[in-house]
């Protein structure tokens, strides 16, 4: 049986992955925040971060190595939302979710999600780590040097990307995913 869950390279699109990207394209821009408020927001953010992991490749790694998703400074709702991602697999690579304090090391992380993180924390945690994909939910996150920033616009969760940061990274993000960003700077 052919493995159809392998990470995409720029411009590649496997039939199953394209379907998932189309579903994400239709779903992500319309993720309306409901009356459930913060809990629903945390779940939407965790789902988006999961998809960022799914459509990113870290070259040179063994196919069986776990993907490590580190969440910095989560509140209880955010921690619970990301717990739903722990143990899932992408391309037969298990996802490990780790909760970190701002002073913890991120050397084993693939994706770093800064919940309500500021620019100082971002720079401190990601310094000298080109393989670290950074995602945050502060409005100015991409301007502060983060790779992907989650933003709420008109009651919908969307994302911005910092292409300069992504080009310097030791990872490859699917071009199809990048097309879904609300900016391309």
N, C-alpha and C. Protein backbone atom coordinates (compact mmCIF):
# COMPACT_ATOMS: atom_id res chain seq x y z
N UNK A 1 0.85 -1.19 0.00
CA UNK A 1 0.00 0.00 0.00
C UNK A 1 0.88 1.24 0.00
N UNK A 2 0.55 2.18 -0.83
CA UNK A 2 1.34 3.40 -0.97
C UNK A 2 1.04 4.34 0.19
N UNK A 3 2.07 4.95 0.76
CA UNK A 3 1.89 5.92 1.83
C UNK A 3 1.51 7.26 1.21
N UNK A 4 0.29 7.70 1.47
CA UNK A 4 -0.19 8.97 0.89
C UNK A 4 -0.14 10.10 1.89
N UNK A 5 0.40 9.86 3.08
CA UNK A 5 0.46 10.89 4.10
C UNK A 5 1.85 11.52 4.22
N UNK A 6 2.71 11.31 3.23
CA UNK A 6 4.04 11.91 3.30
C UNK A 6 3.93 13.42 3.12
N UNK A 7 4.82 14.17 3.75
CA UNK A 7 4.78 15.63 3.63
C UNK A 7 4.95 16.07 2.18
N UNK A 8 4.30 17.16 1.85
CA UNK A 8 4.39 17.71 0.50
C UNK A 8 5.61 18.62 0.37
N UNK A 9 6.16 18.65 -0.78
CA UNK A 9 7.18 19.64 -1.10
C UNK A 9 6.46 20.76 -1.83
N UNK A 10 7.12 21.89 -1.97
CA UNK A 10 6.51 22.99 -2.68
C UNK A 10 6.04 22.52 -4.05
N UNK A 11 4.81 22.80 -4.38
CA UNK A 11 4.27 22.49 -5.69
C UNK A 11 3.73 21.09 -5.85
N UNK A 12 4.04 20.17 -4.95
CA UNK A 12 3.52 18.81 -5.06
C UNK A 12 2.13 18.75 -4.47
N UNK A 13 1.36 17.82 -4.99
CA UNK A 13 0.02 17.66 -4.44
C UNK A 13 -0.46 16.24 -4.72
N UNK A 14 -0.50 15.43 -3.70
CA UNK A 14 -1.05 14.10 -3.84
C UNK A 14 -2.56 14.20 -3.75
N UNK A 15 -3.24 13.28 -4.39
CA UNK A 15 -4.69 13.34 -4.48
C UNK A 15 -5.33 13.48 -3.09
N UNK A 16 -4.93 12.65 -2.16
CA UNK A 16 -5.53 12.70 -0.82
C UNK A 16 -5.20 14.01 -0.12
N UNK A 17 -3.94 14.48 -0.25
CA UNK A 17 -3.52 15.72 0.38
C UNK A 17 -4.23 16.92 -0.22
N UNK A 18 -4.40 16.93 -1.55
CA UNK A 18 -5.09 18.04 -2.19
C UNK A 18 -6.51 18.14 -1.67
N UNK A 19 -7.13 16.98 -1.48
CA UNK A 19 -8.48 16.98 -0.93
C UNK A 19 -8.49 17.58 0.46
N UNK A 20 -7.49 17.22 1.27
CA UNK A 20 -7.40 17.77 2.62
C UNK A 20 -7.13 19.27 2.58
N UNK A 21 -6.28 19.69 1.65
CA UNK A 21 -6.02 21.13 1.52
C UNK A 21 -7.25 21.89 1.07
N UNK A 22 -8.00 21.30 0.15
CA UNK A 22 -9.23 21.95 -0.28
C UNK A 22 -10.22 22.05 0.86
N UNK A 23 -10.30 20.99 1.66
CA UNK A 23 -11.17 21.02 2.83
C UNK A 23 -10.71 22.09 3.80
N UNK A 24 -9.39 22.16 4.04
CA UNK A 24 -8.86 23.19 4.92
C UNK A 24 -9.13 24.57 4.35
N UNK A 25 -8.97 24.72 3.03
CA UNK A 25 -9.22 26.01 2.39
C UNK A 25 -10.66 26.44 2.56
N UNK A 26 -11.56 25.50 2.45
CA UNK A 26 -12.97 25.83 2.60
C UNK A 26 -13.32 26.05 4.07
N UNK A 27 -12.65 25.32 4.95
CA UNK A 27 -12.99 25.32 6.37
C UNK A 27 -12.33 26.46 7.12
N UNK A 28 -11.01 26.65 6.95
CA UNK A 28 -10.26 27.60 7.75
C UNK A 28 -10.76 29.03 7.66
N UNK A 29 -11.00 29.58 6.47
CA UNK A 29 -11.42 30.97 6.43
C UNK A 29 -12.81 31.19 7.02
N UNK A 30 -13.57 30.13 7.19
CA UNK A 30 -14.93 30.30 7.70
C UNK A 30 -15.07 29.80 9.12
N UNK A 31 -13.96 29.58 9.80
CA UNK A 31 -14.03 29.13 11.18
C UNK A 31 -14.56 30.29 12.02
N UNK A 32 -15.83 30.30 12.24
CA UNK A 32 -16.46 31.36 12.99
C UNK A 32 -16.40 31.04 14.46
N UNK A 33 -15.99 32.00 15.22
CA UNK A 33 -15.94 31.81 16.66
C UNK A 33 -17.35 31.91 17.22
N UNK A 34 -17.72 30.88 17.96
CA UNK A 34 -19.08 30.77 18.44
C UNK A 34 -19.26 31.38 19.81
N UNK A 35 -20.45 31.23 20.33
CA UNK A 35 -20.76 31.74 21.66
C UNK A 35 -20.00 30.98 22.73
N UNK A 36 -19.45 29.83 22.40
CA UNK A 36 -18.67 29.07 23.37
C UNK A 36 -17.37 29.79 23.68
N UNK A 37 -17.01 30.74 22.88
CA UNK A 37 -15.91 31.64 23.17
C UNK A 37 -14.54 31.03 23.17
N UNK A 38 -13.84 31.19 24.29
CA UNK A 38 -12.43 30.86 24.38
C UNK A 38 -12.17 29.38 24.12
N UNK A 39 -13.01 28.48 24.62
CA UNK A 39 -12.80 27.05 24.40
C UNK A 39 -12.83 26.74 22.91
N UNK A 40 -13.82 27.28 22.20
CA UNK A 40 -13.90 27.05 20.76
C UNK A 40 -12.71 27.68 20.05
N UNK A 41 -12.28 28.82 20.49
CA UNK A 41 -11.12 29.48 19.89
C UNK A 41 -9.87 28.61 20.07
N UNK A 42 -9.67 28.07 21.24
CA UNK A 42 -8.51 27.22 21.49
C UNK A 42 -8.54 25.97 20.61
N UNK A 43 -9.70 25.38 20.43
CA UNK A 43 -9.83 24.19 19.58
C UNK A 43 -9.55 24.52 18.12
N UNK A 44 -10.00 25.67 17.66
CA UNK A 44 -9.75 26.09 16.28
C UNK A 44 -8.25 26.32 16.08
N UNK A 45 -7.61 26.95 17.03
CA UNK A 45 -6.17 27.20 16.93
C UNK A 45 -5.40 25.89 16.92
N UNK A 46 -5.78 24.94 17.77
CA UNK A 46 -5.11 23.63 17.80
C UNK A 46 -5.29 22.90 16.47
N UNK A 47 -6.48 23.00 15.88
CA UNK A 47 -6.73 22.36 14.58
C UNK A 47 -5.87 22.99 13.49
N UNK A 48 -5.76 24.30 13.49
CA UNK A 48 -4.91 24.97 12.50
C UNK A 48 -3.45 24.59 12.68
N UNK A 49 -2.97 24.57 13.91
CA UNK A 49 -1.58 24.22 14.17
C UNK A 49 -1.32 22.77 13.73
N UNK A 50 -2.26 21.88 13.98
CA UNK A 50 -2.13 20.49 13.51
C UNK A 50 -1.94 20.47 11.99
N UNK A 51 -2.73 21.26 11.28
CA UNK A 51 -2.60 21.31 9.82
C UNK A 51 -1.29 21.93 9.38
N UNK A 52 -0.76 22.89 10.13
CA UNK A 52 0.55 23.43 9.79
C UNK A 52 1.60 22.32 9.90
N UNK A 53 1.50 21.50 10.93
CA UNK A 53 2.41 20.35 11.07
C UNK A 53 2.25 19.39 9.90
N UNK A 54 1.02 19.16 9.54
CA UNK A 54 0.71 18.18 8.50
C UNK A 54 1.28 18.59 7.14
N UNK A 55 1.33 19.87 6.87
CA UNK A 55 1.77 20.34 5.57
C UNK A 55 3.15 20.98 5.60
N UNK A 56 3.98 20.52 6.55
CA UNK A 56 5.36 20.97 6.66
C UNK A 56 6.26 19.74 6.68
N UNK A 57 7.41 19.88 6.05
CA UNK A 57 8.38 18.79 6.01
C UNK A 57 9.68 19.27 6.61
N UNK A 58 10.27 18.43 7.46
CA UNK A 58 11.58 18.69 8.04
C UNK A 58 12.54 17.71 7.37
N UNK A 59 13.28 18.15 6.36
CA UNK A 59 14.16 17.25 5.61
C UNK A 59 15.24 16.62 6.50
N UNK A 60 15.66 15.43 6.10
CA UNK A 60 16.76 14.78 6.78
C UNK A 60 16.39 14.05 8.05
N UNK A 61 15.12 13.94 8.35
CA UNK A 61 14.71 13.24 9.56
C UNK A 61 14.16 11.87 9.22
N UNK A 62 14.31 10.96 10.13
CA UNK A 62 13.79 9.61 9.93
C UNK A 62 12.26 9.65 9.92
N UNK A 63 11.69 8.81 9.08
CA UNK A 63 10.24 8.78 8.93
C UNK A 63 9.52 8.33 10.20
N UNK A 64 10.23 7.69 11.11
CA UNK A 64 9.59 7.21 12.34
C UNK A 64 9.77 8.15 13.53
N UNK A 65 10.60 9.18 13.36
CA UNK A 65 10.82 10.13 14.46
C UNK A 65 9.53 10.88 14.77
N UNK A 66 9.25 11.09 16.05
CA UNK A 66 8.04 11.84 16.40
C UNK A 66 8.15 13.31 15.99
N UNK A 67 7.01 13.90 15.69
CA UNK A 67 6.92 15.34 15.48
C UNK A 67 6.61 15.95 16.84
N UNK A 68 7.43 16.88 17.28
CA UNK A 68 7.27 17.44 18.61
C UNK A 68 6.67 18.84 18.49
N UNK A 69 5.50 19.00 19.04
CA UNK A 69 4.76 20.26 19.06
C UNK A 69 4.87 20.81 20.47
N UNK A 70 5.55 21.93 20.62
CA UNK A 70 5.74 22.54 21.92
C UNK A 70 4.81 23.74 22.07
N UNK A 71 4.10 23.78 23.17
CA UNK A 71 3.15 24.85 23.45
C UNK A 71 3.67 25.63 24.65
N UNK A 72 3.91 26.92 24.45
CA UNK A 72 4.48 27.77 25.50
C UNK A 72 3.37 28.55 26.19
N UNK A 73 3.41 28.51 27.51
CA UNK A 73 2.50 29.29 28.37
C UNK A 73 1.01 29.06 28.09
N UNK A 74 0.56 27.83 27.93
CA UNK A 74 -0.86 27.64 27.65
C UNK A 74 -1.72 27.84 28.90
N UNK A 75 -2.92 28.35 28.69
CA UNK A 75 -3.89 28.34 29.77
C UNK A 75 -4.54 26.96 29.75
N UNK A 76 -5.47 26.69 30.66
CA UNK A 76 -6.08 25.35 30.75
C UNK A 76 -6.82 24.97 29.48
N UNK A 77 -7.55 25.91 28.89
CA UNK A 77 -8.31 25.60 27.67
C UNK A 77 -7.39 25.28 26.49
N UNK A 78 -6.34 26.06 26.36
CA UNK A 78 -5.38 25.82 25.28
C UNK A 78 -4.68 24.48 25.48
N UNK A 79 -4.28 24.19 26.70
CA UNK A 79 -3.63 22.92 26.99
C UNK A 79 -4.55 21.74 26.67
N UNK A 80 -5.84 21.86 27.02
CA UNK A 80 -6.81 20.80 26.72
C UNK A 80 -7.01 20.64 25.21
N UNK A 81 -7.06 21.75 24.49
CA UNK A 81 -7.26 21.69 23.04
C UNK A 81 -6.08 21.01 22.36
N UNK A 82 -4.87 21.31 22.78
CA UNK A 82 -3.70 20.70 22.19
C UNK A 82 -3.51 19.26 22.65
N UNK A 83 -4.07 18.89 23.79
CA UNK A 83 -4.00 17.50 24.23
C UNK A 83 -4.70 16.58 23.24
N UNK A 84 -5.69 17.10 22.53
CA UNK A 84 -6.40 16.30 21.52
C UNK A 84 -5.51 15.97 20.33
N UNK A 85 -4.45 16.73 20.12
CA UNK A 85 -3.52 16.50 19.02
C UNK A 85 -2.47 15.45 19.42
N UNK A 86 -2.16 15.38 20.71
CA UNK A 86 -1.13 14.46 21.21
C UNK A 86 -1.51 13.01 20.87
N UNK A 87 -0.55 12.30 20.32
CA UNK A 87 -0.78 10.90 19.98
C UNK A 87 -1.26 10.66 18.57
N UNK A 88 -1.76 11.69 17.92
CA UNK A 88 -2.14 11.52 16.51
C UNK A 88 -0.86 11.33 15.71
N UNK A 89 -1.01 10.93 14.46
CA UNK A 89 0.16 10.70 13.62
C UNK A 89 0.00 11.38 12.28
N UNK A 90 1.11 11.81 11.74
CA UNK A 90 1.17 12.39 10.40
C UNK A 90 2.25 11.60 9.66
N UNK A 91 1.87 11.01 8.55
CA UNK A 91 2.80 10.18 7.78
C UNK A 91 3.48 9.14 8.68
N UNK A 92 2.71 8.55 9.53
CA UNK A 92 3.15 7.52 10.47
C UNK A 92 4.16 8.03 11.50
N UNK A 93 4.25 9.35 11.64
CA UNK A 93 5.10 9.95 12.67
C UNK A 93 4.19 10.41 13.80
N UNK A 94 4.35 9.86 15.00
CA UNK A 94 3.49 10.27 16.10
C UNK A 94 3.76 11.72 16.51
N UNK A 95 2.71 12.39 16.95
CA UNK A 95 2.85 13.77 17.42
C UNK A 95 2.95 13.74 18.94
N UNK A 96 3.96 14.39 19.45
CA UNK A 96 4.12 14.57 20.89
C UNK A 96 3.89 16.04 21.20
N UNK A 97 2.98 16.31 22.10
CA UNK A 97 2.73 17.68 22.53
C UNK A 97 3.40 17.88 23.88
N UNK A 98 4.21 18.92 23.96
CA UNK A 98 4.90 19.25 25.20
C UNK A 98 4.50 20.66 25.62
N UNK A 99 4.28 20.83 26.90
CA UNK A 99 3.98 22.14 27.46
C UNK A 99 5.26 22.70 28.05
N UNK A 100 5.57 23.94 27.64
CA UNK A 100 6.81 24.57 28.08
C UNK A 100 6.52 25.89 28.78
N UNK A 101 7.40 26.25 29.69
CA UNK A 101 7.42 27.60 30.23
C UNK A 101 8.36 28.40 29.33
N UNK A 102 8.29 29.70 29.41
CA UNK A 102 9.09 30.56 28.53
C UNK A 102 10.59 30.32 28.67
N UNK A 103 11.04 29.83 29.80
CA UNK A 103 12.47 29.63 30.02
C UNK A 103 12.96 28.25 29.59
N UNK A 104 12.06 27.35 29.19
CA UNK A 104 12.44 25.99 28.82
C UNK A 104 13.13 25.95 27.46
N UNK A 105 13.89 24.89 27.23
CA UNK A 105 14.59 24.70 25.97
C UNK A 105 13.64 24.19 24.90
N UNK A 106 13.83 24.67 23.68
CA UNK A 106 13.00 24.25 22.54
C UNK A 106 13.81 23.46 21.53
N UNK A 107 14.97 22.95 21.90
CA UNK A 107 15.86 22.31 20.94
C UNK A 107 15.26 21.05 20.31
N UNK A 108 14.35 20.36 20.95
CA UNK A 108 13.77 19.15 20.38
C UNK A 108 12.42 19.40 19.72
N UNK A 109 12.00 20.65 19.64
CA UNK A 109 10.68 20.99 19.09
C UNK A 109 10.76 21.16 17.57
N UNK A 110 9.72 20.72 16.88
CA UNK A 110 9.57 20.99 15.45
C UNK A 110 8.75 22.26 15.24
N UNK A 111 7.66 22.34 15.97
CA UNK A 111 6.78 23.51 15.88
C UNK A 111 6.62 24.07 17.27
N UNK A 112 6.77 25.37 17.39
CA UNK A 112 6.63 26.06 18.67
C UNK A 112 5.42 26.97 18.58
N UNK A 113 4.42 26.70 19.42
CA UNK A 113 3.23 27.54 19.47
C UNK A 113 3.31 28.39 20.73
N UNK A 114 3.37 29.70 20.52
CA UNK A 114 3.41 30.63 21.65
C UNK A 114 2.02 31.15 21.91
N UNK A 115 1.39 30.64 22.94
CA UNK A 115 0.08 31.13 23.32
C UNK A 115 0.27 32.48 24.00
N UNK A 116 -0.27 33.50 23.38
CA UNK A 116 -0.20 34.85 23.92
C UNK A 116 1.25 35.27 24.19
N UNK A 117 2.16 34.81 23.32
CA UNK A 117 3.57 35.12 23.50
C UNK A 117 3.93 36.47 22.92
N UNK A 118 4.96 37.06 23.47
CA UNK A 118 5.40 38.36 22.95
C UNK A 118 6.69 38.21 22.15
N UNK A 119 7.12 39.27 21.53
CA UNK A 119 8.29 39.25 20.65
C UNK A 119 9.56 38.85 21.42
N UNK A 120 9.69 39.28 22.63
CA UNK A 120 10.87 38.96 23.42
C UNK A 120 10.95 37.45 23.67
N UNK A 121 9.83 36.85 24.03
CA UNK A 121 9.79 35.39 24.24
C UNK A 121 10.12 34.66 22.94
N UNK A 122 9.55 35.12 21.84
CA UNK A 122 9.78 34.49 20.55
C UNK A 122 11.27 34.48 20.22
N UNK A 123 11.91 35.61 20.34
CA UNK A 123 13.33 35.70 20.00
C UNK A 123 14.18 34.86 20.94
N UNK A 124 13.82 34.84 22.22
CA UNK A 124 14.57 34.07 23.20
C UNK A 124 14.44 32.57 22.93
N UNK A 125 13.25 32.11 22.58
CA UNK A 125 12.99 30.68 22.40
C UNK A 125 13.44 30.13 21.06
N UNK A 126 13.45 30.97 20.03
CA UNK A 126 13.76 30.47 18.69
C UNK A 126 15.15 30.83 18.19
N UNK A 127 15.92 31.54 18.97
CA UNK A 127 17.25 31.99 18.54
C UNK A 127 18.13 30.82 18.13
N UNK A 128 18.68 30.91 16.93
CA UNK A 128 19.62 29.91 16.45
C UNK A 128 19.02 28.56 16.11
N UNK A 129 17.73 28.50 15.88
CA UNK A 129 17.07 27.22 15.58
C UNK A 129 16.31 27.32 14.25
N UNK A 130 17.00 27.15 13.13
CA UNK A 130 16.34 27.31 11.83
C UNK A 130 15.30 26.23 11.51
N UNK A 131 15.33 25.11 12.22
CA UNK A 131 14.35 24.05 11.97
C UNK A 131 13.08 24.23 12.78
N UNK A 132 12.99 25.29 13.56
CA UNK A 132 11.84 25.52 14.43
C UNK A 132 10.80 26.39 13.73
N UNK A 133 9.64 25.82 13.45
CA UNK A 133 8.53 26.56 12.86
C UNK A 133 7.77 27.22 13.99
N UNK A 134 7.69 28.55 13.98
CA UNK A 134 7.06 29.29 15.08
C UNK A 134 5.66 29.77 14.68
N UNK A 135 4.72 29.54 15.58
CA UNK A 135 3.32 29.94 15.39
C UNK A 135 2.88 30.65 16.65
N UNK A 136 2.18 31.76 16.49
CA UNK A 136 1.70 32.50 17.66
C UNK A 136 0.37 33.15 17.39
N UNK A 137 -0.25 33.62 18.47
CA UNK A 137 -1.58 34.20 18.33
C UNK A 137 -1.67 35.67 18.74
N UNK A 138 -0.52 36.32 18.86
CA UNK A 138 -0.53 37.77 19.07
C UNK A 138 -0.69 38.44 17.72
N UNK A 139 -1.37 39.57 17.69
CA UNK A 139 -1.66 40.24 16.42
C UNK A 139 -0.41 40.60 15.62
N UNK A 140 0.66 40.97 16.28
CA UNK A 140 1.89 41.39 15.58
C UNK A 140 2.93 40.28 15.51
N UNK A 141 2.54 39.04 15.62
CA UNK A 141 3.48 37.92 15.72
C UNK A 141 4.40 37.81 14.51
N UNK A 142 3.86 37.89 13.30
CA UNK A 142 4.72 37.76 12.12
C UNK A 142 5.63 38.98 11.98
N UNK A 143 5.18 40.15 12.39
CA UNK A 143 6.02 41.34 12.34
C UNK A 143 7.18 41.25 13.33
N UNK A 144 6.98 40.50 14.41
CA UNK A 144 8.02 40.33 15.43
C UNK A 144 9.01 39.22 15.08
N UNK A 145 8.82 38.55 13.94
CA UNK A 145 9.75 37.52 13.52
C UNK A 145 9.22 36.10 13.58
N UNK A 146 7.93 35.95 13.87
CA UNK A 146 7.33 34.62 13.86
C UNK A 146 7.01 34.18 12.44
N UNK A 147 6.90 32.87 12.23
CA UNK A 147 6.63 32.35 10.89
C UNK A 147 5.14 32.43 10.53
N UNK A 148 4.27 32.03 11.45
CA UNK A 148 2.83 32.01 11.19
C UNK A 148 2.11 32.66 12.37
N UNK A 149 1.26 33.61 12.07
CA UNK A 149 0.49 34.28 13.11
C UNK A 149 -0.99 34.03 12.93
N UNK A 150 -1.65 33.56 13.98
CA UNK A 150 -3.09 33.36 13.96
C UNK A 150 -3.77 34.67 14.33
N UNK A 151 -4.76 35.04 13.53
CA UNK A 151 -5.48 36.29 13.77
C UNK A 151 -6.98 36.06 13.62
N UNK A 152 -7.72 36.81 14.39
CA UNK A 152 -9.17 36.76 14.27
C UNK A 152 -9.62 37.99 13.50
N UNK A 153 -10.31 37.76 12.39
CA UNK A 153 -10.84 38.85 11.58
C UNK A 153 -12.31 38.59 11.32
N UNK A 154 -13.15 39.54 11.66
CA UNK A 154 -14.58 39.43 11.44
C UNK A 154 -15.15 38.14 12.01
N UNK A 155 -14.69 37.76 13.21
CA UNK A 155 -15.20 36.57 13.87
C UNK A 155 -14.69 35.27 13.31
N UNK A 156 -13.65 35.31 12.46
CA UNK A 156 -13.09 34.10 11.86
C UNK A 156 -11.60 34.00 12.18
N UNK A 157 -11.14 32.79 12.43
CA UNK A 157 -9.73 32.56 12.68
C UNK A 157 -9.03 32.36 11.34
N UNK A 158 -8.01 33.16 11.10
CA UNK A 158 -7.23 33.08 9.87
C UNK A 158 -5.75 33.14 10.24
N UNK A 159 -4.88 33.15 9.24
CA UNK A 159 -3.47 33.22 9.57
C UNK A 159 -2.69 34.04 8.55
N UNK A 160 -1.60 34.62 9.08
CA UNK A 160 -0.65 35.38 8.28
C UNK A 160 0.66 34.61 8.29
N UNK A 161 1.46 34.81 7.25
CA UNK A 161 2.77 34.17 7.21
C UNK A 161 3.86 35.21 6.99
N UNK A 162 5.03 34.88 7.47
CA UNK A 162 6.22 35.69 7.24
C UNK A 162 7.11 34.86 6.32
N UNK A 163 7.04 35.12 5.03
CA UNK A 163 7.78 34.32 4.06
C UNK A 163 9.29 34.43 4.23
N UNK A 164 9.77 35.58 4.68
CA UNK A 164 11.21 35.73 4.91
C UNK A 164 11.69 34.74 5.98
N UNK A 165 10.94 34.63 7.06
CA UNK A 165 11.30 33.69 8.13
C UNK A 165 11.21 32.26 7.60
N UNK A 166 10.19 31.96 6.82
CA UNK A 166 10.03 30.60 6.30
C UNK A 166 11.15 30.23 5.32
N UNK A 167 11.59 31.18 4.53
CA UNK A 167 12.68 30.90 3.58
C UNK A 167 13.98 30.57 4.31
N UNK A 168 14.18 31.19 5.46
CA UNK A 168 15.39 30.93 6.25
C UNK A 168 15.30 29.63 7.04
N UNK A 169 14.11 29.09 7.18
CA UNK A 169 13.90 27.88 7.98
C UNK A 169 14.42 26.62 7.30
N UNK A 170 14.75 25.64 8.12
CA UNK A 170 15.20 24.34 7.62
C UNK A 170 14.02 23.38 7.52
N UNK A 171 12.94 23.86 7.00
CA UNK A 171 11.72 23.09 6.79
C UNK A 171 11.08 23.58 5.51
N UNK A 172 10.16 22.80 5.00
CA UNK A 172 9.46 23.18 3.78
C UNK A 172 7.97 23.14 4.05
N UNK A 173 7.32 24.26 3.80
CA UNK A 173 5.88 24.37 3.98
C UNK A 173 5.22 24.29 2.62
N UNK A 174 4.15 23.54 2.53
CA UNK A 174 3.45 23.36 1.27
C UNK A 174 3.02 24.71 0.69
N UNK A 175 3.27 24.88 -0.60
CA UNK A 175 2.84 26.11 -1.28
C UNK A 175 1.33 26.23 -1.24
N UNK A 176 0.64 25.11 -1.25
CA UNK A 176 -0.83 25.13 -1.20
C UNK A 176 -1.31 25.73 0.12
N UNK A 177 -0.63 25.41 1.21
CA UNK A 177 -0.97 25.96 2.50
C UNK A 177 -0.70 27.46 2.54
N UNK A 178 0.44 27.86 1.97
CA UNK A 178 0.80 29.28 1.96
C UNK A 178 -0.22 30.12 1.20
N UNK A 179 -0.83 29.53 0.19
CA UNK A 179 -1.84 30.26 -0.57
C UNK A 179 -3.06 30.63 0.26
N UNK A 180 -3.27 29.90 1.36
CA UNK A 180 -4.43 30.16 2.21
C UNK A 180 -4.21 31.32 3.20
N UNK A 181 -2.97 31.77 3.31
CA UNK A 181 -2.67 32.87 4.22
C UNK A 181 -3.33 34.16 3.72
N UNK A 182 -3.68 35.02 4.67
CA UNK A 182 -4.35 36.28 4.28
C UNK A 182 -3.36 37.34 3.85
N UNK A 183 -2.08 37.04 3.92
CA UNK A 183 -1.04 37.94 3.42
C UNK A 183 0.04 37.11 2.78
N UNK A 184 0.91 37.72 2.10
CA UNK A 184 2.11 37.05 1.57
C UNK A 184 3.22 38.08 1.51
N UNK A 185 3.83 38.33 2.66
CA UNK A 185 4.90 39.32 2.71
C UNK A 185 6.24 38.69 2.64
